[in-house]
Amino acid sequence: MHDAHVNGVLQALVTNTPSIQGAAVIQADGQLVACHLPQSLDESRLSATVTAMLPHGLGMAAALECGKLEQLLLTGEIGHVLLREAGPQTMLCTVAKPNVQLEALLQASGSAASRISRILSSMSFLATPSSERSPQALYEASGFTEADQTLVTQIWPYIRTSLPSIVDRFYQTLEAEPQMAALLAGRAEMLKRVYLTWMESLFSGDYGPDFIRRQEDIGKAHTRAGVTPVFFAAGMAFLRSVFPPVLRASIPREDLAEDATGAVLRLLIFCQQIVDCKYTQTLLRLEKNVPKAK
């Protein structure tokens, strides 16, 4: 597995830090997640060496009562090797020349390791079906708090009359795109009603398992209809651009409008992460079922 996002972090680490020659992300079982190494350094050899070193480092940390192992620095005559934790059972291995500034090496590697840990956590999160995650885990991932849920429900009287016009504007945008116009032909009015019902449900105050399942159903329906993740993401981007001015115009109190805007934007993130997860699962399943060329 070579992840492009993680590899981008490694490339930036090597490019932006003088005297760093290469970097790799390696799991404790020896699996290489991504690497950006010079030709002189074989990735399989590096992976095997790191995997062999790690138990000794863990043993030393335990024996000396140092707590959880965060990093190991090996300094040799012609260079340095730094191992830095980059998530559960995952290490960032950075290879540097002997003239590297150790402070810069530690700081750059630490920043890269934090970014990699977030990327890998996100990948793990998307790989887990929404139905297998608690609502609380989904709230935390999107930042959609209990206070947000209460506030979104409270602004319903202010926003309800604006929703039909938002739906009309959205479908005008869709019909301007030939591919979407073909999908909407003869069905636009019916789909508008469905979309309006979904938007009204955003302000219902119910964001538990039933709400999550309804968002997953949207992902399933879009996949069946041939609506790609790009179009769905564009639709959510449209709502994120439309809601703030509508909320400011609809809610008389400026402070309430500001708080409501943040809450609604986080609610949209909450919905999008569920639908995106369903897209991811479907696409991975389809990819797995495609016959390999012989």
C-alpha atoms as a PDB file:
ATOM      1  CA  MET A   1       0.000   0.000   0.000  1.00  0.00           C
ATOM      2  CA  HIS A   2       1.456   3.356  -1.027  1.00  0.00           C
ATOM      3  CA  ASP A   3      -0.856   6.179   0.046  1.00  0.00           C
ATOM      4  CA  ALA A   4      -0.594   9.315  -2.093  1.00  0.00           C
ATOM      5  CA  HIS A   5      -1.538  11.716   0.739  1.00  0.00           C
ATOM      6  CA  VAL A   6       1.099  10.329   3.080  1.00  0.00           C
ATOM      7  CA  ASN A   7       3.656  10.317   0.261  1.00  0.00           C
ATOM      8  CA  GLY A   8       2.936  14.016  -0.289  1.00  0.00           C
ATOM      9  CA  VAL A   9       3.841  14.728   3.336  1.00  0.00           C
ATOM     10  CA  LEU A  10       7.072  12.774   2.933  1.00  0.00           C
ATOM     11  CA  GLN A  11       7.966  14.618  -0.250  1.00  0.00           C
ATOM     12  CA  ALA A  12       7.433  17.972   1.467  1.00  0.00           C
ATOM     13  CA  LEU A  13       9.552  16.837   4.434  1.00  0.00           C
ATOM     14  CA  VAL A  14      12.471  15.842   2.204  1.00  0.00           C
ATOM     15  CA  THR A  15      12.169  18.845  -0.110  1.00  0.00           C
ATOM     16  CA  ASN A  16      11.784  21.532   2.541  1.00  0.00           C
ATOM     17  CA  THR A  17      14.336  20.396   5.139  1.00  0.00           C
ATOM     18  CA  PRO A  18      18.022  20.725   4.204  1.00  0.00           C
ATOM     19  CA  SER A  19      20.121  17.549   4.538  1.00  0.00           C
ATOM     20  CA  ILE A  20      17.159  15.173   4.890  1.00  0.00           C
ATOM     21  CA  GLN A  21      17.735  12.506   2.252  1.00  0.00           C
ATOM     22  CA  GLY A  22      14.581  10.444   2.510  1.00  0.00           C
ATOM     23  CA  ALA A  23      11.654   9.319   4.608  1.00  0.00           C
ATOM     24  CA  ALA A  24       9.271   6.388   4.889  1.00  0.00           C
ATOM     25  CA  VAL A  25       6.201   5.434   6.911  1.00  0.00           C
ATOM     26  CA  ILE A  26       6.345   1.859   8.148  1.00  0.00           C
ATOM     27  CA  GLN A  27       3.924  -0.166  10.220  1.00  0.00           C
ATOM     28  CA  ALA A  28       5.124  -2.345  13.086  1.00  0.00           C
ATOM     29  CA  ASP A  29       4.545  -5.499  11.008  1.00  0.00           C
ATOM     30  CA  GLY A  30       6.911  -4.198   8.311  1.00  0.00           C
ATOM     31  CA  GLN A  31       4.261  -3.013   5.849  1.00  0.00           C
ATOM     32  CA  LEU A  32       5.355   0.073   3.957  1.00  0.00           C
ATOM     33  CA  VAL A  33       2.640   2.751   3.883  1.00  0.00           C
ATOM     34  CA  ALA A  34       4.578   5.239   1.728  1.00  0.00           C
ATOM     35  CA  CYS A  35       8.143   6.313   1.044  1.00  0.00           C
ATOM     36  CA  HIS A  36      10.226   9.032  -0.581  1.00  0.00           C
ATOM     37  CA  LEU A  37      13.775   7.628  -0.638  1.00  0.00           C
ATOM     38  CA  PRO A  38      16.975   8.128  -2.608  1.00  0.00           C
ATOM     39  CA  GLN A  39      17.794   5.436  -5.162  1.00  0.00           C
ATOM     40  CA  SER A  40      20.711   4.252  -3.023  1.00  0.00           C
ATOM     41  CA  LEU A  41      18.375   3.189  -0.213  1.00  0.00           C
ATOM     42  CA  ASP A  42      16.277   0.072  -0.808  1.00  0.00           C
ATOM     43  CA  GLU A  43      12.796   0.395   0.707  1.00  0.00           C
ATOM     44  CA  SER A  44      12.517  -3.311   1.540  1.00  0.00           C
ATOM     45  CA  ARG A  45      15.816  -3.263   3.389  1.00  0.00           C
ATOM     46  CA  LEU A  46      14.821  -0.126   5.295  1.00  0.00           C
ATOM     47  CA  SER A  47      11.460  -1.624   6.241  1.00  0.00           C
ATOM     48  CA  ALA A  48      13.058  -4.821   7.500  1.00  0.00           C
ATOM     49  CA  THR A  49      15.687  -2.915   9.495  1.00  0.00           C
ATOM     50  CA  VAL A  50      13.129  -0.628  11.162  1.00  0.00           C
ATOM     51  CA  THR A  51      10.931  -3.603  12.020  1.00  0.00           C
ATOM     52  CA  ALA A  52      13.914  -5.338  13.637  1.00  0.00           C
ATOM     53  CA  MET A  53      14.967  -2.188  15.559  1.00  0.00           C
ATOM     54  CA  LEU A  54      11.591  -1.290  16.958  1.00  0.00           C
ATOM     55  CA  PRO A  55      11.203  -4.119  19.526  1.00  0.00           C
ATOM     56  CA  HIS A  56      14.612  -3.252  21.008  1.00  0.00           C
ATOM     57  CA  GLY A  57      13.588   0.398  21.380  1.00  0.00           C
ATOM     58  CA  LEU A  58      10.289  -0.570  22.984  1.00  0.00           C
ATOM     59  CA  GLY A  59      12.116  -2.928  25.334  1.00  0.00           C
ATOM     60  CA  MET A  60      14.603  -0.234  26.367  1.00  0.00           C
ATOM     61  CA  ALA A  61      11.822   2.287  27.006  1.00  0.00           C
ATOM     62  CA  ALA A  62      10.002  -0.233  29.192  1.00  0.00           C
ATOM     63  CA  ALA A  63      13.110  -1.341  31.073  1.00  0.00           C
ATOM     64  CA  LEU A  64      14.168   2.234  31.807  1.00  0.00           C
ATOM     65  CA  GLU A  65      10.605   3.288  32.695  1.00  0.00           C
ATOM     66  CA  CYS A  66      10.524   5.976  30.012  1.00  0.00           C
ATOM     67  CA  GLY A  67       6.841   5.481  29.214  1.00  0.00           C
ATOM     68  CA  LYS A  68       5.513   5.107  25.686  1.00  0.00           C
ATOM     69  CA  LEU A  69       8.223   5.161  23.013  1.00  0.00           C
ATOM     70  CA  GLU A  70       7.866   8.298  20.885  1.00  0.00           C
ATOM     71  CA  GLN A  71      11.126   8.425  18.947  1.00  0.00           C
ATOM     72  CA  LEU A  72      14.527   6.828  18.444  1.00  0.00           C
ATOM     73  CA  LEU A  73      17.558   8.640  17.049  1.00  0.00           C
ATOM     74  CA  LEU A  74      20.454   6.641  15.600  1.00  0.00           C
ATOM     75  CA  THR A  75      23.564   8.697  14.876  1.00  0.00           C
ATOM     76  CA  GLY A  76      26.286   7.191  12.722  1.00  0.00           C
ATOM     77  CA  GLU A  77      29.501   8.356  11.121  1.00  0.00           C
ATOM     78  CA  ILE A  78      27.827   9.247   7.837  1.00  0.00           C
ATOM     79  CA  GLY A  79      24.302  10.146   8.875  1.00  0.00           C
ATOM     80  CA  HIS A  80      21.295   9.968  11.170  1.00  0.00           C
ATOM     81  CA  VAL A  81      18.158   7.830  11.248  1.00  0.00           C
ATOM     82  CA  LEU A  82      15.187   9.114  13.250  1.00  0.00           C
ATOM     83  CA  LEU A  83      12.183   6.945  14.084  1.00  0.00           C
ATOM     84  CA  ARG A  84       9.124   8.886  15.166  1.00  0.00           C
ATOM     85  CA  GLU A  85       5.700   7.594  16.141  1.00  0.00           C
ATOM     86  CA  ALA A  86       3.142   8.493  13.442  1.00  0.00           C
ATOM     87  CA  GLY A  87       0.029   6.772  14.755  1.00  0.00           C
ATOM     88  CA  PRO A  88      -0.787   3.429  16.384  1.00  0.00           C
ATOM     89  CA  GLN A  89       1.734   0.747  15.342  1.00  0.00           C
ATOM     90  CA  THR A  90       3.182   3.151  12.748  1.00  0.00           C
ATOM     91  CA  MET A  91       6.562   4.884  12.561  1.00  0.00           C
ATOM     92  CA  LEU A  92       7.992   7.681  10.449  1.00  0.00           C
ATOM     93  CA  CYS A  93      11.589   6.886   9.505  1.00  0.00           C
ATOM     94  CA  THR A  94      13.656   9.911   8.449  1.00  0.00           C
ATOM     95  CA  VAL A  95      17.158   9.526   6.990  1.00  0.00           C
ATOM     96  CA  ALA A  96      19.475  12.559   7.146  1.00  0.00           C
ATOM     97  CA  LYS A  97      23.023  13.536   6.304  1.00  0.00           C
ATOM     98  CA  PRO A  98      25.580  14.027   9.127  1.00  0.00           C
ATOM     99  CA  ASN A  99      25.495  17.827   8.737  1.00  0.00           C
ATOM    100  CA  VAL A 100      21.759  18.111   9.396  1.00  0.00           C
ATOM    101  CA  GLN A 101      20.730  20.432  12.215  1.00  0.00           C
ATOM    102  CA  LEU A 102      19.252  18.085  14.788  1.00  0.00           C
ATOM    103  CA  GLU A 103      16.750  20.669  16.001  1.00  0.00           C
ATOM    104  CA  ALA A 104      15.454  21.114  12.464  1.00  0.00           C
ATOM    105  CA  LEU A 105      15.348  17.337  11.956  1.00  0.00           C
ATOM    106  CA  LEU A 106      13.356  16.775  15.144  1.00  0.00           C
ATOM    107  CA  GLN A 107      10.963  19.648  14.502  1.00  0.00           C
ATOM    108  CA  ALA A 108      10.296  18.820  10.842  1.00  0.00           C
ATOM    109  CA  SER A 109       9.892  15.108  11.528  1.00  0.00           C
ATOM    110  CA  GLY A 110       7.576  15.766  14.460  1.00  0.00           C
ATOM    111  CA  SER A 111       5.346  18.008  12.362  1.00  0.00           C
ATOM    112  CA  ALA A 112       5.274  15.469   9.515  1.00  0.00           C
ATOM    113  CA  ALA A 113       4.483  12.627  11.934  1.00  0.00           C
ATOM    114  CA  SER A 114       1.509  14.562  13.331  1.00  0.00           C
ATOM    115  CA  ARG A 115       0.128  15.188   9.835  1.00  0.00           C
ATOM    116  CA  ILE A 116       0.612  11.547   8.871  1.00  0.00           C
ATOM    117  CA  SER A 117      -1.138  10.379  12.032  1.00  0.00           C
ATOM    118  CA  ARG A 118      -4.167  12.553  11.159  1.00  0.00           C
ATOM    119  CA  ILE A 119      -4.242  11.228   7.590  1.00  0.00           C
ATOM    120  CA  LEU A 120      -4.068   7.608   8.701  1.00  0.00           C
ATOM    121  CA  SER A 121      -6.755   8.190  11.322  1.00  0.00           C
ATOM    122  CA  SER A 122      -8.987   9.700   8.650  1.00  0.00           C
ATOM    123  CA  MET A 123      -8.377   6.741   6.338  1.00  0.00           C
ATOM    124  CA  SER A 124      -9.258   4.339   9.142  1.00  0.00           C
ATOM    125  CA  PHE A 125     -12.367   6.361   9.945  1.00  0.00           C
ATOM    126  CA  LEU A 126     -13.613   6.266   6.352  1.00  0.00           C
ATOM    127  CA  ALA A 127     -12.928   2.563   6.082  1.00  0.00           C
ATOM    128  CA  THR A 128     -15.310   1.879   8.974  1.00  0.00           C
ATOM    129  CA  PRO A 129     -19.012   1.840   7.973  1.00  0.00           C
ATOM    130  CA  SER A 130     -21.017   4.667   9.552  1.00  0.00           C
ATOM    131  CA  SER A 131     -23.469   2.093  10.882  1.00  0.00           C
ATOM    132  CA  GLU A 132     -20.630   0.551  12.924  1.00  0.00           C
ATOM    133  CA  ARG A 133     -19.676   3.881  14.512  1.00  0.00           C
ATOM    134  CA  SER A 134     -21.486   5.516  17.384  1.00  0.00           C
ATOM    135  CA  PRO A 135     -23.223   8.848  16.720  1.00  0.00           C
ATOM    136  CA  GLN A 136     -20.836  10.359  19.268  1.00  0.00           C
ATOM    137  CA  ALA A 137     -17.812   9.307  17.187  1.00  0.00           C
ATOM    138  CA  LEU A 138     -19.351  10.954  14.129  1.00  0.00           C
ATOM    139  CA  TYR A 139     -20.153  14.126  16.091  1.00  0.00           C
ATOM    140  CA  GLU A 140     -16.560  14.362  17.304  1.00  0.00           C
ATOM    141  CA  ALA A 141     -15.118  13.793  13.827  1.00  0.00           C
ATOM    142  CA  SER A 142     -17.155  16.664  12.375  1.00  0.00           C
ATOM    143  CA  GLY A 143     -17.078  18.953  15.410  1.00  0.00           C
ATOM    144  CA  PHE A 144     -20.892  18.926  15.504  1.00  0.00           C
ATOM    145  CA  THR A 145     -21.604  19.362  19.215  1.00  0.00           C
ATOM    146  CA  GLU A 146     -24.719  18.984  21.352  1.00  0.00           C
ATOM    147  CA  ALA A 147     -24.878  22.772  21.568  1.00  0.00           C
ATOM    148  CA  ASP A 148     -24.857  22.921  17.752  1.00  0.00           C
ATOM    149  CA  GLN A 149     -27.721  20.423  17.599  1.00  0.00           C
ATOM    150  CA  THR A 150     -29.823  22.515  19.953  1.00  0.00           C
ATOM    151  CA  LEU A 151     -29.042  25.742  18.116  1.00  0.00           C
ATOM    152  CA  VAL A 152     -29.827  24.315  14.661  1.00  0.00           C
ATOM    153  CA  THR A 153     -33.239  23.248  15.933  1.00  0.00           C
ATOM    154  CA  GLN A 154     -33.920  26.676  17.460  1.00  0.00           C
ATOM    155  CA  ILE A 155     -33.326  28.588  14.212  1.00  0.00           C
ATOM    156  CA  TRP A 156     -35.884  26.548  12.256  1.00  0.00           C
ATOM    157  CA  PRO A 157     -38.577  29.291  12.438  1.00  0.00           C
ATOM    158  CA  TYR A 158     -36.138  31.762  10.883  1.00  0.00           C
ATOM    159  CA  ILE A 159     -34.848  29.556   8.073  1.00  0.00           C
ATOM    160  CA  ARG A 160     -37.859  27.508   6.980  1.00  0.00           C
ATOM    161  CA  THR A 161     -39.252  30.013   4.446  1.00  0.00           C
ATOM    162  CA  SER A 162     -35.850  30.358   2.735  1.00  0.00           C
ATOM    163  CA  LEU A 163     -35.360  26.657   1.985  1.00  0.00           C
ATOM    164  CA  PRO A 164     -37.556  26.405  -1.188  1.00  0.00           C
ATOM    165  CA  SER A 165     -35.597  29.214  -2.864  1.00  0.00           C
ATOM    166  CA  ILE A 166     -32.302  27.540  -1.936  1.00  0.00           C
ATOM    167  CA  VAL A 167     -33.580  24.320  -3.541  1.00  0.00           C
ATOM    168  CA  ASP A 168     -34.543  26.194  -6.727  1.00  0.00           C
ATOM    169  CA  ARG A 169     -31.132  27.861  -6.932  1.00  0.00           C
ATOM    170  CA  PHE A 170     -29.406  24.525  -6.394  1.00  0.00           C
ATOM    171  CA  TYR A 171     -31.301  22.813  -9.201  1.00  0.00           C
ATOM    172  CA  GLN A 172     -30.700  25.719 -11.549  1.00  0.00           C
ATOM    173  CA  THR A 173     -26.992  25.159 -10.919  1.00  0.00           C
ATOM    174  CA  LEU A 174     -27.332  21.422 -11.556  1.00  0.00           C
ATOM    175  CA  GLU A 175     -29.293  21.851 -14.782  1.00  0.00           C
ATOM    176  CA  ALA A 176     -26.554  24.096 -16.153  1.00  0.00           C
ATOM    177  CA  GLU A 177     -24.238  21.054 -16.144  1.00  0.00           C
ATOM    178  CA  PRO A 178     -24.988  18.767 -19.154  1.00  0.00           C
ATOM    179  CA  GLN A 179     -24.213  15.508 -17.359  1.00  0.00           C
ATOM    180  CA  MET A 180     -26.464  16.388 -14.427  1.00  0.00           C
ATOM    181  CA  ALA A 181     -29.153  17.801 -16.697  1.00  0.00           C
ATOM    182  CA  ALA A 182     -29.366  14.402 -18.428  1.00  0.00           C
ATOM    183  CA  LEU A 183     -29.821  12.674 -15.064  1.00  0.00           C
ATOM    184  CA  LEU A 184     -32.505  15.164 -14.021  1.00  0.00           C
ATOM    185  CA  ALA A 185     -34.516  15.065 -17.271  1.00  0.00           C
ATOM    186  CA  GLY A 186     -38.211  14.524 -16.456  1.00  0.00           C
ATOM    187  CA  ARG A 187     -37.490  14.100 -12.731  1.00  0.00           C
ATOM    188  CA  ALA A 188     -36.438  17.550 -11.571  1.00  0.00           C
ATOM    189  CA  GLU A 189     -39.678  18.522  -9.797  1.00  0.00           C
ATOM    190  CA  MET A 190     -39.891  15.218  -7.920  1.00  0.00           C
ATOM    191  CA  LEU A 191     -36.221  15.426  -6.918  1.00  0.00           C
ATOM    192  CA  LYS A 192     -36.712  19.004  -5.725  1.00  0.00           C
ATOM    193  CA  ARG A 193     -39.390  17.812  -3.320  1.00  0.00           C
ATOM    194  CA  VAL A 194     -37.098  15.053  -2.045  1.00  0.00           C
ATOM    195  CA  TYR A 195     -34.250  17.534  -1.629  1.00  0.00           C
ATOM    196  CA  LEU A 196     -36.486  19.995   0.233  1.00  0.00           C
ATOM    197  CA  THR A 197     -37.575  17.225   2.605  1.00  0.00           C
ATOM    198  CA  TRP A 198     -33.919  16.384   3.265  1.00  0.00           C
ATOM    199  CA  MET A 199     -33.067  20.034   3.961  1.00  0.00           C
ATOM    200  CA  GLU A 200     -36.000  20.342   6.355  1.00  0.00           C
ATOM    201  CA  SER A 201     -34.762  17.232   8.184  1.00  0.00           C
ATOM    202  CA  LEU A 202     -31.474  19.043   8.878  1.00  0.00           C
ATOM    203  CA  PHE A 203     -33.317  21.246  11.362  1.00  0.00           C
ATOM    204  CA  SER A 204     -35.382  18.500  13.008  1.00  0.00           C
ATOM    205  CA  GLY A 205     -33.170  18.015  16.056  1.00  0.00           C
ATOM    206  CA  ASP A 206     -32.868  14.260  15.457  1.00  0.00           C
ATOM    207  CA  TYR A 207     -29.247  13.383  14.618  1.00  0.00           C
ATOM    208  CA  GLY A 208     -29.102   9.855  15.973  1.00  0.00           C
ATOM    209  CA  PRO A 209     -28.927   6.433  14.264  1.00  0.00           C
ATOM    210  CA  ASP A 210     -32.021   6.982  12.084  1.00  0.00           C
ATOM    211  CA  PHE A 211     -30.631  10.271  10.770  1.00  0.00           C
ATOM    212  CA  ILE A 212     -27.272   8.608  10.049  1.00  0.00           C
ATOM    213  CA  ARG A 213     -28.959   5.776   8.142  1.00  0.00           C
ATOM    214  CA  ARG A 214     -30.870   8.299   6.030  1.00  0.00           C
ATOM    215  CA  GLN A 215     -27.607   9.988   5.054  1.00  0.00           C
ATOM    216  CA  GLU A 216     -26.155   6.599   4.104  1.00  0.00           C
ATOM    217  CA  ASP A 217     -29.230   5.963   1.947  1.00  0.00           C
ATOM    218  CA  ILE A 218     -28.381   9.144   0.052  1.00  0.00           C
ATOM    219  CA  GLY A 219     -24.946   7.712  -0.758  1.00  0.00           C
ATOM    220  CA  LYS A 220     -26.516   4.470  -1.954  1.00  0.00           C
ATOM    221  CA  ALA A 221     -29.104   6.282  -4.094  1.00  0.00           C
ATOM    222  CA  HIS A 222     -26.483   8.542  -5.654  1.00  0.00           C
ATOM    223  CA  THR A 223     -24.298   5.563  -6.523  1.00  0.00           C
ATOM    224  CA  ARG A 224     -27.220   3.783  -8.209  1.00  0.00           C
ATOM    225  CA  ALA A 225     -28.123   6.945 -10.132  1.00  0.00           C
ATOM    226  CA  GLY A 226     -24.555   7.492 -11.337  1.00  0.00           C
ATOM    227  CA  VAL A 227     -24.023  10.686  -9.311  1.00  0.00           C
ATOM    228  CA  THR A 228     -20.268  10.771  -8.680  1.00  0.00           C
ATOM    229  CA  PRO A 229     -18.642  11.915  -5.412  1.00  0.00           C
ATOM    230  CA  VAL A 230     -17.377  15.024  -7.224  1.00  0.00           C
ATOM    231  CA  PHE A 231     -20.920  16.225  -7.963  1.00  0.00           C
ATOM    232  CA  PHE A 232     -22.071  15.502  -4.424  1.00  0.00           C
ATOM    233  CA  ALA A 233     -19.094  17.413  -2.996  1.00  0.00           C
ATOM    234  CA  ALA A 234     -19.910  20.313  -5.313  1.00  0.00           C
ATOM    235  CA  GLY A 235     -23.484  20.283  -4.033  1.00  0.00           C
ATOM    236  CA  MET A 236     -22.341  20.468  -0.423  1.00  0.00           C
ATOM    237  CA  ALA A 237     -19.929  23.259  -1.329  1.00  0.00           C
ATOM    238  CA  PHE A 238     -22.907  25.128  -2.835  1.00  0.00           C
ATOM    239  CA  LEU A 239     -24.817  24.823   0.455  1.00  0.00           C
ATOM    240  CA  ARG A 240     -21.802  25.984   2.456  1.00  0.00           C
ATOM    241  CA  SER A 241     -21.635  29.107   0.311  1.00  0.00           C
ATOM    242  CA  VAL A 242     -25.395  29.787   0.370  1.00  0.00           C
ATOM    243  CA  PHE A 243     -26.323  29.217   3.998  1.00  0.00           C
ATOM    244  CA  PRO A 244     -24.158  31.912   5.690  1.00  0.00           C
ATOM    245  CA  PRO A 245     -25.710  34.917   3.882  1.00  0.00           C
ATOM    246  CA  VAL A 246     -29.205  33.400   4.153  1.00  0.00           C
ATOM    247  CA  LEU A 247     -28.794  32.906   7.896  1.00  0.00           C
ATOM    248  CA  ARG A 248     -27.489  36.429   8.391  1.00  0.00           C
ATOM    249  CA  ALA A 249     -30.442  37.818   6.453  1.00  0.00           C
ATOM    250  CA  SER A 250     -33.021  35.639   8.230  1.00  0.00           C
ATOM    251  CA  ILE A 251     -31.939  35.828  11.880  1.00  0.00           C
ATOM    252  CA  PRO A 252     -32.422  39.255  13.502  1.00  0.00           C
ATOM    253  CA  ARG A 253     -29.731  38.897  16.161  1.00  0.00           C
ATOM    254  CA  GLU A 254     -26.208  39.176  14.741  1.00  0.00           C
ATOM    255  CA  ASP A 255     -24.583  37.039  17.449  1.00  0.00           C
ATOM    256  CA  LEU A 256     -27.185  34.280  17.010  1.00  0.00           C
ATOM    257  CA  ALA A 257     -26.730  34.378  13.233  1.00  0.00           C
ATOM    258  CA  GLU A 258     -22.973  33.994  13.625  1.00  0.00           C
ATOM    259  CA  ASP A 259     -23.291  31.046  16.013  1.00  0.00           C
ATOM    260  CA  ALA A 260     -25.978  29.450  13.830  1.00  0.00           C
ATOM    261  CA  THR A 261     -23.786  29.732  10.749  1.00  0.00           C
ATOM    262  CA  GLY A 262     -20.988  27.768  12.418  1.00  0.00           C
ATOM    263  CA  ALA A 263     -23.435  25.142  13.662  1.00  0.00           C
ATOM    264  CA  VAL A 264     -25.035  24.648  10.231  1.00  0.00           C
ATOM    265  CA  LEU A 265     -21.657  24.388   8.510  1.00  0.00           C
ATOM    266  CA  ARG A 266     -20.590  21.704  10.986  1.00  0.00           C
ATOM    267  CA  LEU A 267     -23.901  19.913  10.414  1.00  0.00           C
ATOM    268  CA  LEU A 268     -23.153  19.831   6.667  1.00  0.00           C
ATOM    269  CA  ILE A 269     -19.720  18.350   7.417  1.00  0.00           C
ATOM    270  CA  PHE A 270     -21.429  15.759   9.629  1.00  0.00           C
ATOM    271  CA  CYS A 271     -23.735  14.765   6.755  1.00  0.00           C
ATOM    272  CA  GLN A 272     -21.027  14.815   4.114  1.00  0.00           C
ATOM    273  CA  GLN A 273     -18.644  12.559   6.028  1.00  0.00           C
ATOM    274  CA  ILE A 274     -21.395   9.920   6.295  1.00  0.00           C
ATOM    275  CA  VAL A 275     -22.259  10.075   2.583  1.00  0.00           C
ATOM    276  CA  ASP A 276     -18.585  10.174   1.575  1.00  0.00           C
ATOM    277  CA  CYS A 277     -17.982   7.084   3.690  1.00  0.00           C
ATOM    278  CA  LYS A 278     -20.738   5.242   1.829  1.00  0.00           C
ATOM    279  CA  TYR A 279     -19.222   6.332  -1.497  1.00  0.00           C
ATOM    280  CA  THR A 280     -15.809   5.073  -0.343  1.00  0.00           C
ATOM    281  CA  GLN A 281     -17.161   1.680   0.690  1.00  0.00           C
ATOM    282  CA  THR A 282     -19.061   1.288  -2.596  1.00  0.00           C
ATOM    283  CA  LEU A 283     -16.112   2.288  -4.772  1.00  0.00           C
ATOM    284  CA  LEU A 284     -13.751  -0.036  -2.885  1.00  0.00           C
ATOM    285  CA  ARG A 285     -16.224  -2.885  -3.280  1.00  0.00           C
ATOM    286  CA  LEU A 286     -16.568  -2.214  -7.001  1.00  0.00           C
ATOM    287  CA  GLU A 287     -12.785  -2.019  -7.419  1.00  0.00           C
ATOM    288  CA  LYS A 288     -12.397  -5.350  -5.620  1.00  0.00           C
ATOM    289  CA  ASN A 289     -14.898  -6.999  -7.987  1.00  0.00           C
ATOM    290  CA  VAL A 290     -13.303  -5.737 -11.221  1.00  0.00           C
ATOM    291  CA  PRO A 291     -11.514  -8.668 -12.951  1.00  0.00           C
ATOM    292  CA  LYS A 292      -7.766  -8.151 -13.117  1.00  0.00           C
ATOM    293  CA  ALA A 293      -6.137  -8.057 -16.555  1.00  0.00           C
ATOM    294  CA  LYS A 294      -4.050 -11.099 -17.289  1.00  0.00           C
END
